[in-house]
Amino acid sequence: MPRGRTTTLIVRLTPAERQTLRAWQRSTRIPAGLARRGRILLLLADGRTITEVAAAVGLSRRHTYKWIERFVQEGLAGLTDRPIQHRQREPRLLDWQDQRDRDAR
């Protein structure tokens, strides 16, 4: 029996999901990060602890939890990379004044 804390995150893979994740492990055409995330789920479904899984795949426990939670919420689609959303900065007072000066010319 594994030692340490138990987690409330339980991953149960359907046979189709398990087959897909195993195919990702063998594939040379998918991104390495996606294959790593698939390995996280396979190891966890096989009864490994979060700490063991994180060490095996070379990620921190925090990032390991992130991918597990995304899988639990969204399924296999949650394992894909999401585009980075950059924050728009608020226009500063000087920007408004510069624009007004340019318009006055």
N, C-alpha and C. Protein backbone atom coordinates (compact mmCIF):
# COMPACT_ATOMS: atom_id res chain seq x y z
N MET A 1 0.84 -1.18 0.00
CA MET A 1 0.00 0.00 0.00
C MET A 1 0.89 1.24 0.00
N PRO A 2 0.60 2.23 -0.90
CA PRO A 2 1.43 3.42 -0.96
C PRO A 2 1.31 4.24 0.32
N ARG A 3 2.42 4.83 0.69
CA ARG A 3 2.43 5.68 1.87
C ARG A 3 2.14 7.11 1.47
N GLY A 4 1.87 7.96 2.44
CA GLY A 4 1.63 9.37 2.18
C GLY A 4 0.17 9.70 2.17
N ARG A 5 -0.09 10.93 1.78
CA ARG A 5 -1.47 11.41 1.76
C ARG A 5 -2.26 10.75 0.63
N THR A 6 -3.53 10.68 0.87
CA THR A 6 -4.39 10.20 -0.20
C THR A 6 -5.00 11.43 -0.86
N THR A 7 -5.39 11.29 -2.10
CA THR A 7 -5.96 12.41 -2.83
C THR A 7 -7.43 12.13 -3.13
N THR A 8 -8.18 13.21 -3.28
CA THR A 8 -9.58 13.05 -3.64
C THR A 8 -9.75 12.91 -5.15
N LEU A 9 -8.68 13.14 -5.89
CA LEU A 9 -8.73 12.98 -7.34
C LEU A 9 -8.62 11.51 -7.70
N ILE A 10 -9.66 10.99 -8.29
CA ILE A 10 -9.66 9.60 -8.70
C ILE A 10 -9.80 9.56 -10.22
N VAL A 11 -8.90 8.86 -10.85
CA VAL A 11 -8.94 8.76 -12.31
C VAL A 11 -9.30 7.33 -12.68
N ARG A 12 -10.40 7.21 -13.38
CA ARG A 12 -10.82 5.93 -13.91
C ARG A 12 -10.87 6.08 -15.42
N LEU A 13 -10.06 5.30 -16.09
CA LEU A 13 -9.99 5.39 -17.55
C LEU A 13 -10.88 4.35 -18.20
N THR A 14 -11.59 4.77 -19.21
CA THR A 14 -12.35 3.81 -20.00
C THR A 14 -11.37 3.05 -20.88
N PRO A 15 -11.74 1.89 -21.38
CA PRO A 15 -10.82 1.17 -22.28
C PRO A 15 -10.41 2.01 -23.50
N ALA A 16 -11.31 2.81 -24.02
CA ALA A 16 -10.98 3.66 -25.18
C ALA A 16 -9.97 4.73 -24.80
N GLU A 17 -10.15 5.35 -23.62
CA GLU A 17 -9.20 6.36 -23.16
C GLU A 17 -7.83 5.75 -22.92
N ARG A 18 -7.82 4.59 -22.28
CA ARG A 18 -6.54 3.92 -22.01
C ARG A 18 -5.83 3.58 -23.32
N GLN A 19 -6.58 3.12 -24.30
CA GLN A 19 -5.98 2.78 -25.60
C GLN A 19 -5.41 4.04 -26.27
N THR A 20 -6.14 5.14 -26.20
CA THR A 20 -5.67 6.39 -26.78
C THR A 20 -4.40 6.87 -26.09
N LEU A 21 -4.38 6.83 -24.76
CA LEU A 21 -3.21 7.28 -24.01
C LEU A 21 -1.99 6.40 -24.29
N ARG A 22 -2.21 5.11 -24.42
CA ARG A 22 -1.09 4.22 -24.77
C ARG A 22 -0.57 4.51 -26.17
N ALA A 23 -1.48 4.82 -27.09
CA ALA A 23 -1.07 5.17 -28.45
C ALA A 23 -0.23 6.45 -28.44
N TRP A 24 -0.58 7.39 -27.57
CA TRP A 24 0.20 8.62 -27.45
C TRP A 24 1.63 8.32 -26.99
N GLN A 25 1.78 7.31 -26.14
CA GLN A 25 3.11 6.97 -25.63
C GLN A 25 4.00 6.43 -26.74
N ARG A 26 3.41 5.75 -27.70
CA ARG A 26 4.18 5.16 -28.80
C ARG A 26 4.37 6.11 -29.98
N SER A 27 3.56 7.15 -30.04
CA SER A 27 3.56 8.03 -31.21
C SER A 27 4.80 8.93 -31.25
N THR A 28 5.28 9.18 -32.45
CA THR A 28 6.39 10.11 -32.64
C THR A 28 5.90 11.41 -33.28
N ARG A 29 4.60 11.51 -33.49
CA ARG A 29 4.05 12.67 -34.19
C ARG A 29 3.27 13.63 -33.29
N ILE A 30 3.08 13.30 -32.04
CA ILE A 30 2.37 14.23 -31.16
C ILE A 30 3.40 14.97 -30.31
N PRO A 31 3.05 16.14 -29.79
CA PRO A 31 3.98 16.88 -28.93
C PRO A 31 4.36 16.06 -27.69
N ALA A 32 5.61 16.23 -27.28
CA ALA A 32 6.11 15.49 -26.12
C ALA A 32 5.31 15.80 -24.85
N GLY A 33 4.87 17.05 -24.72
CA GLY A 33 4.09 17.43 -23.54
C GLY A 33 2.79 16.67 -23.46
N LEU A 34 2.16 16.46 -24.59
CA LEU A 34 0.90 15.71 -24.61
C LEU A 34 1.13 14.25 -24.23
N ALA A 35 2.22 13.68 -24.71
CA ALA A 35 2.55 12.31 -24.34
C ALA A 35 2.85 12.21 -22.85
N ARG A 36 3.52 13.22 -22.30
CA ARG A 36 3.83 13.24 -20.87
C ARG A 36 2.56 13.30 -20.04
N ARG A 37 1.60 14.12 -20.48
CA ARG A 37 0.33 14.23 -19.75
C ARG A 37 -0.44 12.92 -19.80
N GLY A 38 -0.36 12.24 -20.93
CA GLY A 38 -1.00 10.93 -21.03
C GLY A 38 -0.37 9.93 -20.08
N ARG A 39 0.95 10.01 -19.95
CA ARG A 39 1.65 9.10 -19.03
C ARG A 39 1.25 9.36 -17.58
N ILE A 40 1.04 10.63 -17.26
CA ILE A 40 0.57 10.98 -15.90
C ILE A 40 -0.70 10.20 -15.58
N LEU A 41 -1.63 10.23 -16.50
CA LEU A 41 -2.92 9.59 -16.26
C LEU A 41 -2.81 8.07 -16.22
N LEU A 42 -1.99 7.52 -17.08
CA LEU A 42 -1.82 6.06 -17.06
C LEU A 42 -1.21 5.59 -15.75
N LEU A 43 -0.19 6.30 -15.28
CA LEU A 43 0.43 5.92 -14.01
C LEU A 43 -0.53 6.08 -12.84
N LEU A 44 -1.28 7.17 -12.84
CA LEU A 44 -2.22 7.40 -11.76
C LEU A 44 -3.34 6.35 -11.76
N ALA A 45 -3.82 6.01 -12.93
CA ALA A 45 -4.88 4.99 -13.03
C ALA A 45 -4.37 3.62 -12.60
N ASP A 46 -3.05 3.40 -12.70
CA ASP A 46 -2.47 2.13 -12.28
C ASP A 46 -2.19 2.08 -10.78
N GLY A 47 -2.59 3.15 -10.04
CA GLY A 47 -2.47 3.11 -8.58
C GLY A 47 -1.27 3.82 -8.01
N ARG A 48 -0.51 4.52 -8.82
CA ARG A 48 0.64 5.26 -8.30
C ARG A 48 0.17 6.51 -7.57
N THR A 49 0.95 7.01 -6.62
CA THR A 49 0.63 8.23 -5.90
C THR A 49 1.01 9.43 -6.75
N ILE A 50 0.48 10.59 -6.39
CA ILE A 50 0.78 11.82 -7.12
C ILE A 50 2.28 12.10 -7.07
N THR A 51 2.89 11.91 -5.94
CA THR A 51 4.32 12.16 -5.78
C THR A 51 5.13 11.25 -6.69
N GLU A 52 4.78 9.98 -6.73
CA GLU A 52 5.48 9.03 -7.60
C GLU A 52 5.30 9.38 -9.07
N VAL A 53 4.09 9.75 -9.43
CA VAL A 53 3.80 10.10 -10.83
C VAL A 53 4.59 11.34 -11.23
N ALA A 54 4.58 12.37 -10.36
CA ALA A 54 5.29 13.61 -10.66
C ALA A 54 6.78 13.35 -10.85
N ALA A 55 7.35 12.52 -9.98
CA ALA A 55 8.78 12.19 -10.10
C ALA A 55 9.06 11.39 -11.37
N ALA A 56 8.17 10.50 -11.72
CA ALA A 56 8.38 9.65 -12.89
C ALA A 56 8.34 10.45 -14.20
N VAL A 57 7.48 11.46 -14.27
CA VAL A 57 7.36 12.22 -15.51
C VAL A 57 8.20 13.50 -15.51
N GLY A 58 8.76 13.85 -14.38
CA GLY A 58 9.63 15.01 -14.31
C GLY A 58 8.91 16.34 -14.18
N LEU A 59 7.75 16.32 -13.56
CA LEU A 59 7.00 17.55 -13.31
C LEU A 59 6.85 17.76 -11.82
N SER A 60 6.51 18.98 -11.44
CA SER A 60 6.23 19.24 -10.03
C SER A 60 4.85 18.67 -9.69
N ARG A 61 4.61 18.49 -8.41
CA ARG A 61 3.30 18.00 -7.98
C ARG A 61 2.21 18.97 -8.39
N ARG A 62 2.51 20.26 -8.33
CA ARG A 62 1.53 21.29 -8.68
C ARG A 62 1.07 21.14 -10.13
N HIS A 63 2.01 20.99 -11.05
CA HIS A 63 1.65 20.84 -12.45
C HIS A 63 0.99 19.49 -12.72
N THR A 64 1.39 18.49 -11.99
CA THR A 64 0.77 17.18 -12.13
C THR A 64 -0.71 17.27 -11.74
N TYR A 65 -0.99 17.92 -10.61
CA TYR A 65 -2.37 18.13 -10.20
C TYR A 65 -3.16 18.90 -11.25
N LYS A 66 -2.52 19.91 -11.84
CA LYS A 66 -3.20 20.73 -12.85
C LYS A 66 -3.70 19.87 -14.00
N TRP A 67 -2.86 18.97 -14.50
CA TRP A 67 -3.25 18.15 -15.64
C TRP A 67 -4.28 17.10 -15.26
N ILE A 68 -4.17 16.58 -14.05
CA ILE A 68 -5.16 15.60 -13.59
C ILE A 68 -6.53 16.27 -13.46
N GLU A 69 -6.55 17.46 -12.86
CA GLU A 69 -7.82 18.17 -12.69
C GLU A 69 -8.44 18.52 -14.04
N ARG A 70 -7.61 18.92 -14.99
CA ARG A 70 -8.15 19.22 -16.32
C ARG A 70 -8.75 17.98 -16.97
N PHE A 71 -8.09 16.85 -16.79
CA PHE A 71 -8.64 15.61 -17.36
C PHE A 71 -9.96 15.26 -16.70
N VAL A 72 -10.03 15.38 -15.38
CA VAL A 72 -11.26 15.04 -14.66
C VAL A 72 -12.40 15.94 -15.12
N GLN A 73 -12.11 17.21 -15.38
CA GLN A 73 -13.16 18.16 -15.77
C GLN A 73 -13.51 18.06 -17.26
N GLU A 74 -12.49 17.89 -18.13
CA GLU A 74 -12.72 18.02 -19.56
C GLU A 74 -12.43 16.77 -20.38
N GLY A 75 -11.92 15.74 -19.74
CA GLY A 75 -11.56 14.53 -20.49
C GLY A 75 -10.27 14.72 -21.26
N LEU A 76 -10.08 13.94 -22.31
CA LEU A 76 -8.84 14.01 -23.09
C LEU A 76 -8.62 15.37 -23.73
N ALA A 77 -9.70 16.07 -24.05
CA ALA A 77 -9.57 17.40 -24.66
C ALA A 77 -8.89 18.40 -23.71
N GLY A 78 -8.99 18.17 -22.43
CA GLY A 78 -8.38 19.07 -21.45
C GLY A 78 -6.88 18.97 -21.38
N LEU A 79 -6.30 17.96 -22.03
CA LEU A 79 -4.85 17.77 -21.98
C LEU A 79 -4.10 18.56 -23.04
N THR A 80 -4.83 19.16 -23.97
CA THR A 80 -4.16 19.92 -25.02
C THR A 80 -3.74 21.29 -24.49
N ASP A 81 -2.72 21.86 -25.13
CA ASP A 81 -2.25 23.19 -24.75
C ASP A 81 -3.31 24.22 -25.11
N ARG A 82 -3.41 25.21 -24.26
CA ARG A 82 -4.33 26.31 -24.52
C ARG A 82 -3.50 27.53 -24.94
N PRO A 83 -4.05 28.34 -25.82
CA PRO A 83 -3.29 29.54 -26.21
C PRO A 83 -3.14 30.48 -25.02
N ILE A 84 -2.03 31.15 -24.97
CA ILE A 84 -1.75 32.08 -23.89
C ILE A 84 -2.53 33.36 -24.15
N GLN A 85 -3.24 33.81 -23.17
CA GLN A 85 -3.99 35.05 -23.30
C GLN A 85 -3.19 36.16 -22.65
N HIS A 86 -2.78 37.11 -23.47
CA HIS A 86 -2.02 38.24 -22.96
C HIS A 86 -2.98 39.33 -22.49
N ARG A 87 -2.64 39.91 -21.39
CA ARG A 87 -3.49 40.97 -20.87
C ARG A 87 -3.23 42.26 -21.65
N GLN A 88 -4.29 42.95 -21.97
CA GLN A 88 -4.16 44.26 -22.59
C GLN A 88 -3.90 45.28 -21.49
N ARG A 89 -2.95 46.14 -21.73
CA ARG A 89 -2.70 47.15 -20.70
C ARG A 89 -3.69 48.29 -20.86
N GLU A 90 -3.99 48.92 -19.76
CA GLU A 90 -4.89 50.06 -19.75
C GLU A 90 -4.17 51.26 -20.36
N PRO A 91 -4.85 52.05 -21.18
CA PRO A 91 -4.21 53.26 -21.70
C PRO A 91 -3.89 54.21 -20.55
N ARG A 92 -2.71 54.75 -20.60
CA ARG A 92 -2.29 55.68 -19.55
C ARG A 92 -2.69 57.10 -19.93
N LEU A 93 -2.68 57.98 -18.98
CA LEU A 93 -3.04 59.37 -19.21
C LEU A 93 -2.15 59.98 -20.28
N LEU A 94 -0.84 59.67 -20.24
CA LEU A 94 0.07 60.22 -21.24
C LEU A 94 -0.29 59.76 -22.65
N ASP A 95 -0.75 58.52 -22.79
CA ASP A 95 -1.17 58.02 -24.10
C ASP A 95 -2.33 58.85 -24.64
N TRP A 96 -3.27 59.19 -23.78
CA TRP A 96 -4.42 59.98 -24.21
C TRP A 96 -3.98 61.38 -24.62
N GLN A 97 -3.06 61.96 -23.85
CA GLN A 97 -2.58 63.30 -24.18
C GLN A 97 -1.81 63.29 -25.49
N ASP A 98 -0.96 62.30 -25.71
CA ASP A 98 -0.21 62.19 -26.95
C ASP A 98 -1.16 62.05 -28.13
N GLN A 99 -2.20 61.26 -27.99
CA GLN A 99 -3.16 61.07 -29.06
C GLN A 99 -3.90 62.38 -29.35
N ARG A 100 -4.25 63.10 -28.32
CA ARG A 100 -4.95 64.37 -28.49
C ARG A 100 -4.05 65.38 -29.20
N ASP A 101 -2.75 65.40 -28.83
CA ASP A 101 -1.80 66.30 -29.48
C ASP A 101 -1.64 65.95 -30.95
N ARG A 102 -1.60 64.67 -31.28
CA ARG A 102 -1.46 64.26 -32.67
C ARG A 102 -2.70 64.63 -33.49
N ASP A 103 -3.86 64.50 -32.87
CA ASP A 103 -5.11 64.84 -33.55
C ASP A 103 -5.23 66.35 -33.79
N ALA A 104 -4.65 67.15 -32.90
CA ALA A 104 -4.74 68.61 -33.02
C ALA A 104 -3.85 69.12 -34.16
N ARG A 105 -2.85 68.39 -34.56
CA ARG A 105 -1.93 68.83 -35.64
C ARG A 105 -2.55 68.78 -36.94
